[in-house]
Protein backbone atom coordinates (compact mmCIF):
# COMPACT_ATOMS: atom_id res chain seq x y z
CA MET A 1 26.57 84.85 86.05
CA LEU A 2 29.07 83.92 83.57
CA THR A 3 31.05 87.30 84.58
CA SER A 4 31.09 86.02 88.27
CA PHE A 5 32.06 82.38 87.21
CA PHE A 6 35.15 83.43 85.39
CA ARG A 7 36.14 86.13 88.19
CA LYS A 8 37.75 83.30 89.91
CA SER A 9 40.77 80.98 89.98
CA LYS A 10 39.70 77.81 91.39
CA PRO A 11 40.16 74.49 89.27
CA ILE A 12 36.89 74.48 87.63
CA ASN A 13 37.44 77.39 86.04
CA PHE A 14 40.51 76.21 84.33
CA LEU A 15 38.81 72.71 83.65
CA VAL A 16 35.76 74.66 81.78
CA VAL A 17 38.44 76.20 79.66
CA PHE A 18 40.16 73.24 79.00
CA LEU A 19 37.29 71.00 78.20
CA LEU A 20 36.33 73.79 75.73
CA ALA A 21 39.34 74.08 74.09
CA ALA A 22 39.41 70.09 74.16
CA ILE A 23 35.64 69.66 72.07
CA PHE A 24 36.30 72.21 69.63
CA TYR A 25 40.03 71.11 68.78
CA SER A 26 38.74 67.76 68.45
CA VAL A 27 35.53 69.01 65.81
CA TYR A 28 37.74 71.05 64.21
CA ASN A 29 40.58 68.41 63.33
CA PHE A 30 38.58 64.88 63.18
CA THR A 31 35.59 66.29 61.36
CA GLY A 32 34.15 66.85 57.93
CA SER A 33 37.10 67.44 55.46
CA ASN A 34 39.85 67.36 58.27
CA GLN A 35 39.26 63.39 59.30
CA LEU A 36 42.62 61.70 59.58
CA THR A 37 43.58 58.50 57.14
CA ASN A 38 47.29 57.84 58.69
CA MET A 39 46.18 56.44 62.08
CA PRO A 40 47.16 56.36 64.83
CA TYR A 41 50.24 58.56 64.00
CA GLY A 42 47.72 61.41 62.59
CA TYR A 43 46.14 60.99 66.48
CA VAL A 44 49.26 61.26 68.21
CA LYS A 45 50.42 64.22 66.55
CA LYS A 46 47.37 66.05 67.02
CA ILE A 47 46.90 65.08 70.63
CA GLY A 48 50.52 66.37 71.10
CA PHE A 49 50.13 69.39 69.71
CA PHE A 50 47.03 69.93 71.95
CA LEU A 51 49.33 69.21 74.54
CA LEU A 52 51.27 72.32 73.17
CA TYR A 53 48.04 74.57 72.67
CA LEU A 54 47.36 73.95 76.96
CA ALA A 55 50.99 74.89 77.30
CA ILE A 56 50.08 78.42 75.52
CA LEU A 57 47.28 78.47 77.98
CA PHE A 58 49.87 77.67 81.00
CA PHE A 59 52.25 80.23 80.21
CA ILE A 60 50.05 82.95 79.58
CA ASN A 61 49.80 82.72 82.70
CA PHE A 62 53.00 84.42 83.08
CA VAL A 63 52.22 87.24 81.03
CA THR A 64 48.88 88.05 83.53
CA SER A 65 51.19 87.49 86.25
CA ILE A 66 53.64 90.38 85.47
CA GLN A 67 50.47 92.83 85.97
CA LYS A 68 49.84 91.22 89.16
CA ALA A 69 46.66 89.66 87.25
CA LYS A 70 46.39 86.40 89.20
CA ASN A 71 42.93 86.80 90.33
CA ARG A 72 41.35 87.45 86.95
CA VAL A 73 43.63 84.75 85.10
CA THR A 74 40.64 82.65 84.18
CA TYR A 75 38.92 85.80 82.43
CA VAL A 76 42.18 85.75 80.11
CA LEU A 77 42.15 82.01 79.22
CA PHE A 78 38.51 82.15 78.75
CA LEU A 79 38.71 85.08 76.04
CA PHE A 80 41.47 83.77 74.43
CA THR A 81 39.89 80.28 73.82
CA LEU A 82 37.16 82.12 72.83
CA LEU A 83 38.89 83.80 69.57
CA CYS A 84 40.32 80.86 68.99
CA LEU A 85 37.52 79.05 68.97
CA ALA A 86 36.15 81.55 65.91
CA SER A 87 38.78 80.41 63.90
CA PRO A 88 38.99 76.76 62.97
CA ALA A 89 42.48 77.56 61.10
CA VAL A 90 43.92 78.43 64.09
CA PHE A 91 43.14 74.78 66.15
CA ARG A 92 44.84 73.41 62.45
CA SER A 93 47.70 75.86 62.52
CA GLU A 94 50.33 73.05 64.05
CA GLY A 95 53.85 74.70 62.41
CA LEU A 96 52.60 78.31 64.45
CA LEU A 97 51.67 76.88 67.84
CA LEU A 98 55.46 76.40 68.55
CA SER A 99 56.09 79.88 67.02
CA VAL A 100 53.27 81.56 69.44
CA PHE A 101 54.79 79.69 72.61
CA LEU A 102 58.42 81.11 71.99
CA ILE A 103 56.38 84.51 70.92
CA ILE A 104 55.02 84.21 74.52
CA LEU A 105 58.23 83.84 76.21
CA GLY A 106 59.54 86.61 74.83
CA LEU A 107 56.59 89.09 75.58
CA ARG A 108 56.91 87.44 79.27
CA ARG A 109 61.07 88.01 79.48
CA THR A 110 59.67 91.74 78.11
CA LEU A 111 57.30 92.48 80.47
CA ALA A 112 59.35 91.41 83.20
CA LEU A 113 62.33 94.31 82.43
CA GLN A 114 60.10 96.43 84.79
CA THR A 115 61.15 94.71 87.42
CA GLY A 116 64.69 95.82 86.67
CA PHE A 117 66.60 92.76 88.12
CA PHE A 118 69.00 90.93 85.72
CA PHE A 119 67.67 93.48 82.92
CA SER A 120 70.42 92.31 80.40
CA ARG A 121 69.87 88.64 81.07
CA LYS A 122 66.06 89.18 80.37
CA LEU A 123 66.63 91.84 77.12
CA PHE A 124 68.93 89.00 76.25
CA ASP A 125 66.15 85.97 76.03
CA ALA A 126 63.38 87.84 75.06
CA CYS A 127 65.33 88.50 71.88
CA PHE A 128 66.62 85.52 70.92
CA CYS A 129 63.20 83.91 71.35
CA PHE A 130 61.63 86.53 69.06
CA THR A 131 64.72 85.68 66.65
CA LEU A 132 64.33 82.16 67.05
CA VAL A 133 60.67 82.05 65.83
CA SER A 134 61.04 83.55 62.96
CA LEU A 135 63.03 80.65 61.67
CA PHE A 136 59.85 78.92 61.79
CA PHE A 137 57.75 81.46 60.93
CA PRO A 138 59.49 84.33 59.00
CA PRO A 139 57.17 87.37 59.15
CA ALA A 140 57.68 86.94 62.78
CA ILE A 141 60.57 88.61 62.60
CA ILE A 142 59.18 91.82 63.19
CA PHE A 143 58.12 91.08 66.67
CA ILE A 144 61.95 92.05 67.38
CA LEU A 145 60.78 95.73 67.68
CA ILE A 146 58.99 94.39 71.33
CA PRO A 147 62.34 94.28 73.20
CA PHE A 148 63.53 97.90 71.96
CA VAL A 149 60.12 99.57 73.15
CA GLY A 150 60.96 97.69 76.51
CA ILE A 151 64.09 99.36 76.57
CA ALA A 152 62.54 102.52 75.61
CA TYR A 153 60.35 102.51 78.61
CA TYR A 154 62.41 100.57 80.91
CA CYS A 155 65.88 101.41 80.20
CA ALA A 156 67.08 104.17 77.70
CA TYR A 157 69.57 105.88 79.54
CA ASN A 158 71.76 102.81 79.44
CA TYR A 159 73.16 103.20 75.97
CA LYS A 160 74.69 99.21 76.12
CA ASN A 161 71.10 97.86 76.65
CA TRP A 162 70.65 98.72 72.39
CA PHE A 163 72.94 96.90 71.92
CA ILE A 164 72.04 93.72 73.33
CA PRO A 165 68.95 92.60 70.72
CA LEU A 166 72.14 92.31 68.18
CA THR A 167 73.88 90.08 70.29
CA ALA A 168 71.29 87.64 70.20
CA ILE A 169 69.97 88.02 66.71
CA LEU A 170 74.12 87.47 66.28
CA ALA A 171 73.63 84.55 68.28
CA VAL A 172 70.59 82.99 66.71
CA PHE A 173 71.94 83.38 63.05
CA THR A 174 75.01 82.02 63.94
CA LEU A 175 73.54 79.10 65.47
CA THR A 176 71.83 78.86 62.52
CA THR A 177 74.17 79.00 60.00
CA CYS A 178 76.26 75.65 62.00
CA VAL A 179 73.25 73.70 61.14
CA TYR A 180 72.99 74.59 57.88
CA LEU A 181 76.75 73.43 57.59
CA LEU A 182 76.46 70.42 59.03
CA THR A 183 73.51 69.43 57.64
CA SER A 184 73.45 71.09 53.67
CA ASN A 185 76.92 72.59 53.70
CA THR A 186 75.61 75.81 53.06
CA PHE A 187 75.63 79.03 54.73
CA PHE A 188 72.64 80.46 56.12
CA SER A 189 71.48 84.29 54.16
CA PRO A 190 69.18 86.20 56.36
CA LEU A 191 68.63 88.01 52.93
CA GLU A 192 67.41 85.22 51.23
CA PHE A 193 65.62 83.51 53.71
CA TYR A 194 63.73 86.69 54.68
CA GLN A 195 61.96 87.70 51.61
CA PHE A 196 58.19 88.40 51.77
CA ILE A 197 55.54 89.67 49.12
CA PRO A 198 52.46 91.54 50.54
CA ASN A 199 49.06 90.34 50.49
CA ASN A 200 46.74 91.54 48.42
CA PHE A 201 43.60 92.69 49.30
CA ASP A 202 41.44 90.03 47.90
CA THR A 203 43.24 87.58 50.18
CA LEU A 204 42.56 89.55 53.57
CA LEU A 205 38.91 89.50 52.90
CA GLN A 206 38.67 85.77 52.40
CA SER A 207 35.65 84.90 54.91
CA SER A 208 38.39 82.70 57.16
CA LEU A 209 40.26 85.65 58.16
CA ILE A 210 37.67 88.89 57.75
CA TYR A 211 34.93 87.73 60.10
CA PRO A 212 37.27 86.38 63.25
CA LEU A 213 39.47 89.21 62.65
CA GLY A 214 36.65 91.85 63.24
CA LEU A 215 35.52 90.08 65.64
CA ALA A 216 38.58 90.00 67.53
CA LEU A 217 39.57 93.90 66.56
CA VAL A 218 35.64 95.10 67.69
CA SER A 219 36.28 93.57 71.17
CA GLY A 220 40.10 94.76 71.07
CA ILE A 221 38.86 97.91 70.56
CA TRP A 222 35.79 98.26 73.13
CA PHE A 223 37.83 96.31 75.31
CA TYR A 224 41.15 99.29 75.63
CA THR A 225 38.76 102.43 74.71
CA SER A 226 36.83 101.22 77.94
CA LEU A 227 39.55 100.78 80.27
CA VAL A 228 41.17 104.41 79.08
CA THR A 229 37.91 106.18 79.45
CA SER A 230 36.89 104.03 82.43
CA GLN A 231 37.84 105.50 86.38
CA LYS A 232 40.28 102.98 87.07
CA LYS A 233 43.80 104.37 88.02
CA PHE A 234 46.41 101.89 86.55
CA SER A 235 49.87 102.53 87.84
CA GLN A 236 52.73 103.28 85.16
CA LYS A 237 53.69 99.76 85.70
CA GLU A 238 50.24 98.85 84.51
CA ARG A 239 50.22 101.31 81.89
CA ARG A 240 54.03 100.82 80.43
CA ALA A 241 52.74 96.91 80.33
CA ASN A 242 49.42 97.83 78.30
CA TYR A 243 51.76 99.87 75.68
CA ILE A 244 53.97 96.74 75.35
CA LEU A 245 50.63 94.56 74.20
CA LEU A 246 48.86 97.72 72.20
CA VAL A 247 52.41 97.38 70.04
CA THR A 248 52.12 93.54 70.00
CA LEU A 249 48.82 93.71 68.85
CA GLY A 250 50.05 96.40 66.31
CA LEU A 251 52.63 94.20 64.80
CA SER A 252 50.60 91.03 64.58
CA LEU A 253 48.06 93.10 62.48
CA LEU A 254 51.26 95.11 60.16
CA MET A 255 52.29 91.05 60.08
CA LEU A 256 49.33 89.88 58.19
CA SER A 257 49.98 92.09 55.19
CA VAL A 258 52.99 90.01 54.52
CA THR A 259 52.41 86.67 55.66
CA PRO A 260 51.94 83.63 52.54
CA LYS A 261 48.19 83.61 51.84
CA ALA A 262 47.69 80.42 52.85
CA MET A 263 48.65 81.13 56.45
CA VAL A 264 47.28 84.37 56.71
CA SER A 265 43.93 83.01 58.68
CA GLN A 266 46.32 80.86 60.78
CA SER A 267 48.38 83.73 61.88
CA LEU A 268 45.58 85.56 63.93
CA LEU A 269 46.36 83.74 66.80
CA PHE A 270 49.42 85.98 67.02
CA THR A 271 46.74 89.02 67.59
CA TYR A 272 44.61 87.12 70.51
CA LEU A 273 46.87 87.29 73.34
CA PRO A 274 47.39 91.00 73.77
CA ILE A 275 42.89 91.32 72.92
CA ALA A 276 42.07 88.67 75.80
CA VAL A 277 44.62 90.34 78.02
CA PHE A 278 42.56 93.84 77.36
CA GLY A 279 39.40 92.20 77.81
CA GLY A 280 40.82 90.44 81.08
CA GLN A 281 41.36 93.77 82.46
CA TYR A 282 37.97 95.32 81.16
CA PHE A 283 35.93 92.57 83.48
CA GLN A 284 37.72 92.89 86.10
CA ASN A 285 37.78 96.66 86.65
CA VAL A 286 34.81 97.99 84.70
CA LYS A 287 31.54 97.82 87.28
CA LYS A 288 29.13 97.45 84.93
CA ILE A 289 27.49 93.92 85.46
CA ARG A 290 24.86 94.10 83.34
CA LEU A 291 26.50 95.29 80.15
CA ASN A 292 29.64 92.81 81.07
CA GLU A 293 27.52 90.06 81.07
CA ILE A 294 25.67 90.89 77.52
CA ILE A 295 29.21 91.20 76.04
CA LEU A 296 30.63 87.66 77.41
CA LEU A 297 27.76 86.34 76.34
CA THR A 298 27.14 88.08 72.70
CA LEU A 299 31.44 87.05 72.32
CA ILE A 300 30.36 82.91 73.24
CA VAL A 301 27.22 83.20 70.84
CA LEU A 302 29.04 85.21 68.36
CA SER A 303 32.53 82.89 68.14
CA LEU A 304 31.06 79.77 68.54
CA THR A 305 28.74 80.71 65.42
CA ILE A 306 31.51 81.88 63.46
CA GLY A 307 33.58 78.77 64.06
CA ILE A 308 31.09 76.65 63.00
CA LEU A 309 30.16 78.05 59.74
CA ILE A 310 33.56 78.52 58.67
CA GLN A 311 34.28 74.88 59.53
CA TRP A 312 31.31 73.54 57.41
CA ASN A 313 31.84 76.07 54.58
CA LEU A 314 28.91 78.34 54.99
CA ILE A 315 30.17 81.29 54.99
């Protein structure tokens, strides 16, 4: 049974996930209109970004381990990969892979605030990552709100903590200004760099976005509402971590409204992590074996179908 297989954390489980990602990464990047012409450099570049994708899967373990989810990490990795398969543009989002990698690092440090140890250091690291990622992908500056949510949950009474994000932001902007002065003899201007134009309704309705996004949202809503209504009693630590992930998902969806049209479909990658974590918790805690089998099998079929149809422009 599928659910019993991915409930384990043996090497074969991770191998299945990695092979699935490798096969469809190759299909989406080396077939059809995406065939490479600048060989062998193009292949080396693609392989390098695939290794970065595997690193993202590896660091997702850190996010789930914060919630003592080591025994369900295969679920999270598998669901994250499935959602990526539904959107070929995600596997071609080379410029965003590094951004997502930094988001995961920042999210991990934010969730680690709940331990109370080295609070200031972890908060600075999280804010530094979220600010740094905005230099690669400006709309991602919205994620700087996540550490403030962490402060409100874990240590709101200490007013000094509210100023730490500002020092991290200032540090990133100062380093960026130094790079600008060395390379172009100009100052870095945040007001000019962070300029956004809202997308129109037609942009959000393109098939390469609406179908994968619809699948992800329906899955996420089902997973989260089922967890909330289940009889499982979550600890305060787990509830707060879930709230932060829910905020992350909301910010990711809001970011889509100001993401450049050419990168909207690729930006779905930011929404997949919290949905995959909720899905991992759902399959681990909601004991409805037959229903879970049907849901997981349906997700597999829909993800592969949507991804293949979009890849060959059939929808």
